[in-house]
Protein backbone atom coordinates (compact mmCIF):
# COMPACT_ATOMS: atom_id res chain seq x y z
CA MET A 1 -149.49 -162.34 177.81
CA MET A 2 -151.82 -159.49 176.83
CA THR A 3 -151.18 -160.22 173.16
CA LEU A 4 -152.18 -163.87 173.59
CA LEU A 5 -155.34 -162.80 175.44
CA ILE A 6 -156.33 -160.43 172.63
CA ILE A 7 -155.75 -163.14 170.02
CA ALA A 8 -157.84 -165.59 172.03
CA VAL A 9 -160.71 -163.08 172.30
CA LEU A 10 -160.62 -162.43 168.54
CA VAL A 11 -160.66 -166.16 167.76
CA LEU A 12 -163.58 -166.75 170.15
CA GLY A 13 -165.47 -163.79 168.66
CA PHE A 14 -164.97 -165.18 165.16
CA MET A 15 -166.25 -168.58 166.27
CA VAL A 16 -169.35 -166.96 167.86
CA VAL A 17 -170.12 -165.15 164.60
CA LEU A 18 -169.83 -168.41 162.68
CA ARG A 19 -172.22 -170.18 165.06
CA LEU A 20 -174.73 -167.33 164.92
CA SER A 21 -174.69 -167.39 161.13
CA ARG A 22 -175.34 -171.13 161.25
CA VAL A 23 -178.25 -170.60 163.66
CA ALA A 24 -179.74 -168.00 161.31
CA ALA A 25 -179.42 -170.43 158.38
CA LEU A 26 -181.18 -173.19 160.33
CA ALA A 27 -183.96 -170.79 161.35
CA SER A 28 -184.51 -169.90 157.70
CA GLU A 29 -184.76 -173.59 156.79
CA LEU A 30 -187.32 -174.19 159.55
CA ARG A 31 -189.42 -171.28 158.26
CA GLY A 32 -189.29 -172.76 154.78
CA ASP A 33 -187.45 -169.80 153.28
CA ARG A 34 -185.55 -170.40 150.06
CA GLU A 35 -181.86 -169.52 150.15
CA GLU A 36 -181.96 -167.35 146.99
CA GLN A 37 -184.91 -165.32 148.27
CA ILE A 38 -183.57 -162.52 150.48
CA PRO A 39 -186.13 -160.42 152.37
CA GLU A 40 -186.37 -156.75 151.42
CA ARG A 41 -185.59 -155.82 155.01
CA ASP A 42 -182.20 -157.53 154.75
CA ASN A 43 -181.44 -155.76 151.48
CA ARG A 44 -182.39 -152.42 153.00
CA ILE A 45 -180.12 -153.05 155.98
CA SER A 46 -177.28 -153.98 153.57
CA GLY A 47 -177.86 -150.73 151.66
CA ARG A 48 -177.71 -148.62 154.83
CA MET A 49 -174.57 -150.48 155.89
CA MET A 50 -173.00 -149.56 152.54
CA TRP A 51 -173.64 -145.91 153.38
CA ALA A 52 -172.14 -146.36 156.84
CA PHE A 53 -169.12 -148.19 155.46
CA GLY A 54 -168.63 -145.56 152.75
CA ALA A 55 -168.68 -142.78 155.36
CA LEU A 56 -166.10 -144.61 157.49
CA TYR A 57 -164.03 -145.33 154.38
CA MET A 58 -163.90 -141.63 153.40
CA ALA A 59 -163.25 -140.55 156.99
CA PHE A 60 -160.34 -142.98 157.20
CA PHE A 61 -158.68 -141.54 154.09
CA ILE A 62 -159.05 -138.03 155.50
CA TRP A 63 -157.73 -139.11 158.90
CA ILE A 64 -154.55 -140.76 157.57
CA PRO A 65 -152.76 -137.59 156.31
CA LEU A 66 -154.02 -135.55 159.28
CA HIS A 67 -152.80 -138.11 161.82
CA TYR A 68 -149.46 -138.88 160.18
CA HIS A 69 -148.68 -135.35 159.05
CA ASP A 70 -145.73 -135.16 161.46
CA VAL A 71 -143.84 -137.95 159.66
CA PHE A 72 -144.17 -136.35 156.23
CA LEU A 73 -141.21 -134.53 154.70
CA PRO A 74 -140.83 -130.93 155.90
CA PRO A 75 -141.24 -128.03 153.43
CA ALA A 76 -139.09 -128.21 150.30
CA ALA A 77 -135.64 -126.76 150.97
CA SER A 78 -134.81 -125.75 147.39
CA THR A 79 -136.34 -123.62 144.67
CA GLN A 80 -136.74 -126.66 142.43
CA GLY A 81 -138.31 -128.56 145.33
CA VAL A 82 -141.05 -125.92 145.61
CA TRP A 83 -141.89 -126.46 141.93
CA ILE A 84 -142.03 -130.23 142.47
CA ASP A 85 -144.27 -129.85 145.53
CA SER A 86 -146.61 -127.54 143.63
CA MET A 87 -146.93 -130.12 140.86
CA PHE A 88 -147.63 -132.87 143.41
CA THR A 89 -150.22 -130.69 145.14
CA PHE A 90 -151.98 -130.09 141.84
CA ASN A 91 -152.01 -133.81 141.10
CA TRP A 92 -153.27 -134.71 144.58
CA TRP A 93 -156.16 -132.25 144.29
CA MET A 94 -157.08 -133.65 140.91
CA LEU A 95 -156.85 -137.26 142.12
CA GLY A 96 -158.73 -136.37 145.31
CA ILE A 97 -161.67 -134.93 143.38
CA VAL A 98 -161.84 -138.05 141.19
CA PHE A 99 -161.34 -140.43 144.12
CA PHE A 100 -163.96 -138.92 146.40
CA GLY A 101 -166.40 -138.22 143.56
CA THR A 102 -166.37 -141.78 142.21
CA ASN A 103 -166.42 -143.45 145.62
CA ILE A 104 -169.23 -141.28 146.96
CA ALA A 105 -171.26 -142.13 143.86
CA LEU A 106 -170.38 -145.82 144.27
CA PHE A 107 -171.55 -146.08 147.88
CA TYR A 108 -174.55 -143.78 147.38
CA PHE A 109 -176.00 -145.76 144.48
CA SER A 110 -175.19 -149.08 146.18
CA GLY A 111 -177.23 -148.00 149.22
CA LYS A 112 -180.06 -146.28 147.38
CA TYR A 113 -180.81 -148.89 144.76
CA TYR A 114 -180.80 -152.03 146.87
CA HIS A 115 -182.79 -154.95 145.49
CA ARG A 116 -186.58 -154.81 145.69
CA ALA A 117 -188.88 -157.49 144.35
CA ASP A 118 -191.05 -154.99 142.43
CA ARG A 119 -188.17 -153.12 140.73
CA ARG A 120 -186.17 -153.96 137.62
CA ALA A 121 -182.86 -152.53 136.46
CA PHE A 122 -183.00 -150.11 133.52
CA TRP A 123 -181.33 -151.57 130.40
CA TYR A 124 -178.83 -148.98 129.19
CA PRO A 125 -176.25 -150.70 126.97
CA HIS A 126 -174.68 -147.81 125.04
CA ASN A 127 -174.55 -144.04 124.54
CA ASN A 128 -172.14 -142.49 122.03
CA ARG A 129 -172.38 -139.03 123.53
CA LEU A 130 -171.59 -140.30 127.01
CA GLU A 131 -168.68 -142.37 125.65
CA LEU A 132 -167.30 -139.23 123.97
CA VAL A 133 -167.60 -137.20 127.18
CA TRP A 134 -165.84 -139.63 129.49
CA THR A 135 -163.11 -140.24 126.91
CA THR A 136 -162.46 -136.60 126.02
CA ILE A 137 -162.47 -135.14 129.54
CA PRO A 138 -159.86 -137.58 130.98
CA ALA A 139 -157.75 -137.23 127.84
CA LEU A 140 -157.71 -133.42 128.07
CA THR A 141 -157.05 -133.57 131.81
CA LEU A 142 -154.09 -135.92 131.41
CA THR A 143 -152.75 -133.79 128.56
CA GLY A 144 -152.81 -130.80 130.88
CA VAL A 145 -150.98 -132.79 133.58
CA VAL A 146 -148.29 -133.87 131.11
CA VAL A 147 -147.81 -130.33 129.80
CA TYR A 148 -147.56 -128.99 133.35
CA ALA A 149 -144.98 -131.67 134.21
CA LEU A 150 -142.94 -130.89 131.09
CA ILE A 151 -142.89 -127.19 131.99
CA VAL A 152 -141.59 -128.00 135.49
CA TRP A 153 -139.05 -130.49 134.12
CA THR A 154 -137.78 -127.94 131.61
CA LYS A 155 -137.32 -125.35 134.37
CA ILE A 156 -135.40 -127.87 136.49
CA THR A 157 -133.13 -129.15 133.71
CA VAL A 158 -132.37 -125.81 132.03
CA LEU A 159 -128.66 -125.12 131.65
CA PRO A 160 -127.28 -123.08 134.57
CA ALA A 161 -125.95 -119.59 134.07
CA PRO A 162 -122.22 -119.20 133.35
CA GLY A 163 -120.17 -119.08 136.54
CA THR A 164 -122.56 -121.33 138.50
CA MET A 165 -120.81 -123.09 141.35
CA GLU A 166 -119.94 -126.73 140.56
CA VAL A 167 -119.73 -129.59 143.07
CA GLU A 168 -118.92 -133.16 142.11
CA VAL A 169 -120.86 -135.95 143.82
CA TYR A 170 -118.94 -139.19 143.34
CA ALA A 171 -120.59 -142.55 144.07
CA LYS A 172 -119.06 -145.94 144.66
CA GLN A 173 -119.96 -149.00 146.67
CA PHE A 174 -120.82 -147.97 149.31
CA ASP A 175 -120.10 -144.32 150.07
CA TRP A 176 -120.04 -140.80 148.64
CA THR A 177 -117.09 -138.51 147.94
CA PHE A 178 -117.35 -134.81 147.10
CA ARG A 179 -115.08 -132.48 145.13
CA TYR A 180 -115.13 -128.68 145.29
CA PRO A 181 -113.27 -126.27 143.00
CA GLY A 182 -110.34 -124.28 144.32
CA LYS A 183 -109.56 -120.60 143.87
CA ASP A 184 -109.98 -120.84 140.11
CA GLY A 185 -113.64 -121.81 140.60
CA LYS A 186 -113.39 -124.69 138.10
CA LEU A 187 -113.23 -128.44 138.58
CA GLY A 188 -110.31 -130.15 136.89
CA ALA A 189 -110.42 -132.94 134.34
CA THR A 190 -110.65 -136.56 135.46
CA ASP A 191 -109.85 -139.97 133.99
CA PHE A 192 -110.71 -143.36 135.47
CA ARG A 193 -107.25 -144.73 134.55
CA LEU A 194 -105.69 -142.43 137.15
CA ILE A 195 -107.72 -143.76 140.07
CA ASP A 196 -105.63 -145.13 142.91
CA ALA A 197 -105.50 -144.94 146.71
CA ASP A 198 -104.17 -141.36 146.65
CA ASN A 199 -106.42 -140.20 143.82
CA PRO A 200 -109.84 -141.83 144.38
CA LEU A 201 -111.59 -139.61 141.81
CA GLY A 202 -108.95 -139.90 139.08
CA ILE A 203 -108.15 -136.17 138.92
CA ALA A 204 -105.97 -135.57 135.85
CA THR A 205 -102.90 -133.39 136.41
CA LYS A 206 -99.31 -133.60 135.27
CA ALA A 207 -98.29 -134.96 138.65
CA THR A 208 -100.98 -137.64 138.84
CA MET A 209 -100.19 -138.85 135.31
CA ALA A 210 -96.47 -139.04 136.06
CA LYS A 211 -97.13 -140.84 139.35
CA ARG A 212 -99.46 -143.34 137.74
CA LEU A 213 -96.97 -144.04 134.95
CA ASP A 214 -94.20 -144.63 137.51
CA GLU A 215 -96.47 -147.06 139.36
CA LEU A 216 -97.37 -148.94 136.19
CA HIS A 217 -93.77 -149.12 134.94
CA ALA A 218 -92.68 -150.48 138.32
CA GLN A 219 -95.53 -152.99 138.31
CA VAL A 220 -94.65 -154.16 134.76
CA ALA A 221 -90.99 -154.58 135.72
CA GLN A 222 -91.86 -156.50 138.88
CA GLU A 223 -94.40 -158.80 137.22
CA THR A 224 -92.10 -159.42 134.24
CA ALA A 225 -89.25 -160.37 136.57
CA ASP A 226 -91.55 -162.67 138.56
CA ARG A 227 -92.82 -164.27 135.39
CA ASP A 228 -89.33 -164.86 133.98
CA ALA A 229 -88.05 -166.24 137.29
CA ARG A 230 -90.83 -168.83 137.41
CA ALA A 231 -91.03 -169.57 133.68
CA GLY A 232 -89.48 -173.00 134.12
CA ILE A 233 -91.91 -174.21 136.78
CA LEU A 234 -95.26 -172.60 135.90
CA PRO A 235 -97.73 -174.43 133.64
CA ASN A 236 -98.69 -172.98 130.28
CA ASP A 237 -102.03 -171.55 131.43
CA GLU A 238 -100.43 -169.67 134.34
CA LEU A 239 -97.74 -168.26 132.05
CA GLU A 240 -100.39 -167.18 129.57
CA LYS A 241 -102.36 -165.53 132.35
CA ALA A 242 -99.28 -163.62 133.53
CA ASP A 243 -98.45 -162.56 129.96
CA LYS A 244 -101.96 -161.26 129.40
CA HIS A 245 -101.87 -159.20 132.58
CA ILE A 246 -98.49 -157.71 131.69
CA ALA A 247 -99.85 -156.83 128.24
CA HIS A 248 -102.87 -155.22 129.92
CA LEU A 249 -100.57 -153.08 132.08
CA ARG A 250 -98.61 -152.02 128.99
CA ARG A 251 -101.87 -150.98 127.32
CA GLN A 252 -102.67 -148.89 130.40
CA ILE A 253 -99.27 -147.22 130.09
CA GLU A 254 -99.96 -146.48 126.43
CA GLY A 255 -103.38 -145.06 127.33
CA ILE A 256 -101.96 -142.69 129.93
CA MET A 257 -99.23 -141.60 127.52
CA ASN A 258 -101.96 -140.79 124.99
CA LEU A 259 -103.77 -138.90 127.74
CA GLN A 260 -100.61 -136.87 128.30
CA VAL A 261 -100.54 -135.97 124.63
CA LEU A 262 -104.19 -134.96 124.82
CA MET A 263 -103.45 -132.82 127.88
CA GLN A 264 -100.57 -131.06 126.14
CA GLU A 265 -102.71 -130.35 123.08
CA ASP A 266 -105.54 -129.03 125.25
CA ILE A 267 -103.18 -126.75 127.18
CA ALA A 268 -101.69 -125.50 123.90
CA ALA A 269 -105.16 -124.75 122.53
CA ASN A 270 -106.82 -123.28 125.66
CA GLY A 271 -103.92 -121.98 127.71
CA ASN A 272 -104.80 -121.34 131.34
CA ASN A 273 -108.43 -122.22 130.65
CA SER A 274 -107.55 -125.87 130.08
CA THR A 275 -109.36 -128.17 132.54
CA TYR A 276 -106.08 -130.10 132.94
CA LEU A 277 -104.68 -127.07 134.78
CA LYS A 278 -107.69 -126.73 137.10
CA GLY A 279 -107.45 -129.95 139.14
CA ALA A 280 -104.42 -129.25 141.34
CA ASP A 281 -106.33 -126.90 143.67
CA ASP A 282 -109.53 -129.01 143.79
CA LYS A 283 -110.66 -130.13 147.22
CA VAL A 284 -111.76 -133.71 147.86
CA THR A 285 -113.71 -134.47 151.01
CA LYS A 286 -116.21 -136.86 152.58
CA GLU A 287 -118.31 -133.95 153.89
CA PHE A 288 -121.16 -132.44 151.88
CA HIS A 289 -121.80 -128.71 152.35
CA LEU A 290 -123.77 -126.24 150.22
CA PRO A 291 -124.29 -122.48 150.60
CA VAL A 292 -127.87 -121.25 150.99
CA ASN A 293 -129.55 -119.22 148.22
CA THR A 294 -126.80 -120.09 145.76
CA ASP A 295 -127.31 -121.80 142.40
CA VAL A 296 -125.31 -125.04 142.51
CA GLU A 297 -124.58 -127.46 139.69
CA LEU A 298 -124.08 -131.02 140.94
CA ILE A 299 -121.92 -133.16 138.66
CA ILE A 300 -122.64 -136.80 139.45
CA ARG A 301 -120.37 -139.73 138.58
CA SER A 302 -120.07 -143.39 139.56
CA GLN A 303 -117.03 -145.62 139.82
CA ASP A 304 -118.66 -149.03 139.66
CA VAL A 305 -122.44 -149.60 139.24
CA ILE A 306 -125.52 -147.43 138.77
CA HIS A 307 -126.31 -145.42 141.89
CA SER A 308 -128.82 -142.63 142.37
CA ALA A 309 -128.13 -139.36 144.17
CA TYR A 310 -131.34 -138.59 146.07
CA LEU A 311 -131.86 -135.47 148.20
CA PRO A 312 -135.40 -135.95 149.56
CA HIS A 313 -135.57 -132.60 151.36
CA MET A 314 -134.52 -130.84 148.14
CA ARG A 315 -136.92 -132.98 146.08
CA ALA A 316 -133.99 -133.76 143.77
CA GLN A 317 -132.73 -137.02 142.31
CA MET A 318 -130.40 -138.04 139.49
CA ASN A 319 -128.83 -141.35 138.51
CA ALA A 320 -125.08 -141.82 138.83
CA VAL A 321 -124.07 -143.81 135.74
CA PRO A 322 -120.62 -145.40 135.26
CA GLY A 323 -118.71 -143.94 132.34
CA MET A 324 -120.59 -140.65 132.12
CA ALA A 325 -121.36 -137.53 134.14
CA THR A 326 -124.97 -136.59 134.87
CA ARG A 327 -125.98 -133.20 136.18
CA MET A 328 -128.66 -131.47 138.20
CA HIS A 329 -128.73 -127.98 139.60
CA LEU A 330 -130.64 -126.59 142.53
CA VAL A 331 -130.83 -123.58 144.81
CA PRO A 332 -130.91 -124.49 148.53
CA THR A 333 -133.23 -122.05 150.30
CA ILE A 334 -133.30 -123.17 153.95
CA THR A 335 -130.21 -123.66 156.11
CA THR A 336 -129.82 -126.71 158.29
CA ASP A 337 -130.21 -124.60 161.44
CA SER A 338 -133.40 -122.99 160.13
CA MET A 339 -134.88 -126.37 159.22
CA ARG A 340 -134.10 -127.61 162.72
CA ALA A 341 -136.20 -124.75 164.03
CA VAL A 342 -139.00 -125.49 161.54
CA THR A 343 -139.09 -129.19 162.42
CA LYS A 344 -138.44 -128.54 166.14
CA ASN A 345 -135.81 -131.25 165.93
CA PRO A 346 -132.34 -130.14 167.07
CA ALA A 347 -130.80 -133.30 165.60
CA PHE A 348 -132.24 -132.76 162.10
CA ASP A 349 -129.87 -133.11 159.14
CA TYR A 350 -130.43 -133.02 155.41
CA ILE A 351 -129.34 -136.29 153.86
CA LEU A 352 -128.02 -137.64 150.58
CA LEU A 353 -129.17 -141.20 149.87
CA CYS A 354 -128.52 -143.77 147.18
CA ASN A 355 -131.94 -144.57 145.71
CA LYS A 356 -130.81 -147.59 143.68
CA VAL A 357 -130.33 -151.05 145.20
CA CYS A 358 -126.61 -151.06 144.41
CA GLY A 359 -125.39 -154.00 146.49
CA ILE A 360 -125.36 -155.68 149.86
CA SER A 361 -124.57 -152.49 151.81
CA HIS A 362 -126.85 -150.20 149.81
CA TYR A 363 -128.77 -149.28 152.99
CA ASN A 364 -125.60 -147.73 154.43
CA MET A 365 -124.84 -145.49 151.45
CA GLN A 366 -125.84 -142.10 152.80
CA SER A 367 -124.20 -138.83 153.74
CA PRO A 368 -125.43 -135.84 155.76
CA LEU A 369 -125.74 -132.51 153.94
CA THR A 370 -125.12 -129.21 155.69
CA VAL A 371 -126.72 -126.12 154.17
CA GLU A 372 -125.26 -122.96 155.68
CA SER A 373 -124.80 -119.27 155.04
CA ALA A 374 -122.41 -118.18 152.29
CA GLY A 375 -119.92 -116.91 154.88
CA ALA A 376 -119.92 -120.14 156.89
CA PHE A 377 -119.56 -122.17 153.71
CA LYS A 378 -116.60 -120.05 152.58
CA ILE A 379 -114.81 -120.57 155.89
CA TRP A 380 -115.44 -124.33 155.75
CA ASN A 381 -114.21 -124.48 152.15
CA ILE A 382 -111.02 -122.55 152.95
CA MET A 383 -110.16 -125.09 155.65
CA LEU A 384 -110.25 -127.99 153.19
CA PRO A 385 -106.84 -129.16 151.90
CA VAL A 386 -106.16 -128.85 148.19
CA PHE A 387 -105.58 -131.95 146.11
CA GLU A 388 -101.98 -131.03 145.34
CA LYS A 389 -99.99 -128.78 147.61
CA PRO A 390 -98.70 -125.58 145.96
CA GLY A 391 -95.20 -126.07 144.62
CA ALA A 392 -95.48 -129.87 144.64
CA ALA A 393 -93.25 -131.53 142.11
CA ALA A 394 -95.18 -132.37 139.00
CA LYS A 395 -92.78 -134.50 137.01
CA GLU A 396 -93.98 -134.53 133.44
CA VAL A 397 -93.32 -137.67 131.45
CA ALA A 398 -92.92 -136.87 127.80
CA PRO A 399 -94.51 -139.15 125.25
CA ALA A 400 -92.30 -142.09 124.38
CA PRO A 401 -90.15 -141.63 121.27
CA ALA A 402 -91.16 -143.57 118.20
CA ASP A 403 -88.47 -146.25 118.62
CA THR A 404 -89.23 -146.71 122.31
CA ALA A 405 -92.95 -146.96 121.66
CA LYS A 406 -92.29 -149.51 118.92
CA ALA A 407 -90.07 -151.56 121.23
CA GLU A 408 -92.71 -151.52 124.00
CA ALA A 409 -95.43 -152.56 121.54
CA THR A 410 -93.25 -155.41 120.27
CA ALA A 411 -92.56 -156.54 123.83
CA ALA A 412 -96.27 -156.43 124.65
CA VAL A 413 -97.09 -158.65 121.66
CA ALA A 414 -94.29 -161.04 122.57
CA THR A 415 -95.33 -161.40 126.20
CA ALA A 416 -98.97 -161.87 125.19
CA ALA A 417 -98.12 -164.93 123.12
CA PRO A 418 -98.27 -168.42 124.67
CA ALA A 419 -95.07 -169.77 126.15
CA THR A 420 -92.89 -171.75 123.71
CA ASN A 421 -92.09 -175.39 124.01
CA LYS A 422 -88.53 -174.46 124.81
CA GLU A 423 -89.67 -172.53 127.88
CA GLN A 424 -91.72 -175.50 129.03
CA ASN A 425 -88.87 -177.93 128.56
């Protein structure tokens, strides 16, 4: 009810202003005043109103950050975030000087040089020296800003020191998964062809390759049997579709066998340093924890579409691109508990967001981040289960012999071909 009353008052006020303006126009007509001739008094009043409006305009821009300061982000919680904030502060000071300087001049001159009948504007069409000044100064200023930004960007993207802790941040519609290294301190190799319900990140080990091959062989056998059993009743296009899928599965088997060969060659060349021997003790979790005052390298991957790993309180962001790994490193400097004290909010949590519109549930793609002391992080990490239990059977499937590989390739070509007329009859 109060809202309707306020709207009604505003509408009535607007109507009153319209009627008063009409009365003023009629009074001018009765006095014989010409519409294009505005009295100096009116121009002077307009000039003073420009000063008043300019003062209110500037006051409003000063009031906004002071009034809404509580909803701004708290202090940067990483070393890199402090650099970013310093760069933003520099830019805001520079923009503030330009903004207030130009607008003060705009309103001042608008109010001072209002129209008078006995004054004429000074004709000033061109000045080469002035053109040079207001071209050179902005150009040098912007060059300085770009150089400053490049220096900060170089500091942020510099390669981390050897032995820096690695954490994988894995994105998919619509959640985040995290992987931490085990006792060896190294993350293992991954391959998208190994992704399944039990291995959502595609960690490449002897056991996961053998398991995936068993699954694919079983799937090929089942689908081939189903296809042969229904060959007499299915139409040509359905048979062709089934043949193509079976051929696709056989190509997957061949790809994983090639991956096994690559793993064996890498182990032979690098011994215990091979990344294929580092994945068994990795730890996969839905919780995101980082130790304070520790240099951390985040390895970011995506399973499906482009996402963006955004840590607003760390002032850090990096795209997650399918088919490649992107990286960013940071040093968290404020624990979650300390930030709760700073913000006076006992429910405060750091947060990881997806900053790309990645689909219908993009808004829900977020994960809390806990920054804690090194001791607390170590205890939490120890409690996480390893990807493969120690002593778990890791059946290794040797590469197929030449004759077997040839037979499988021949079968794949045969099943990929369209069904014969005999099959249809």
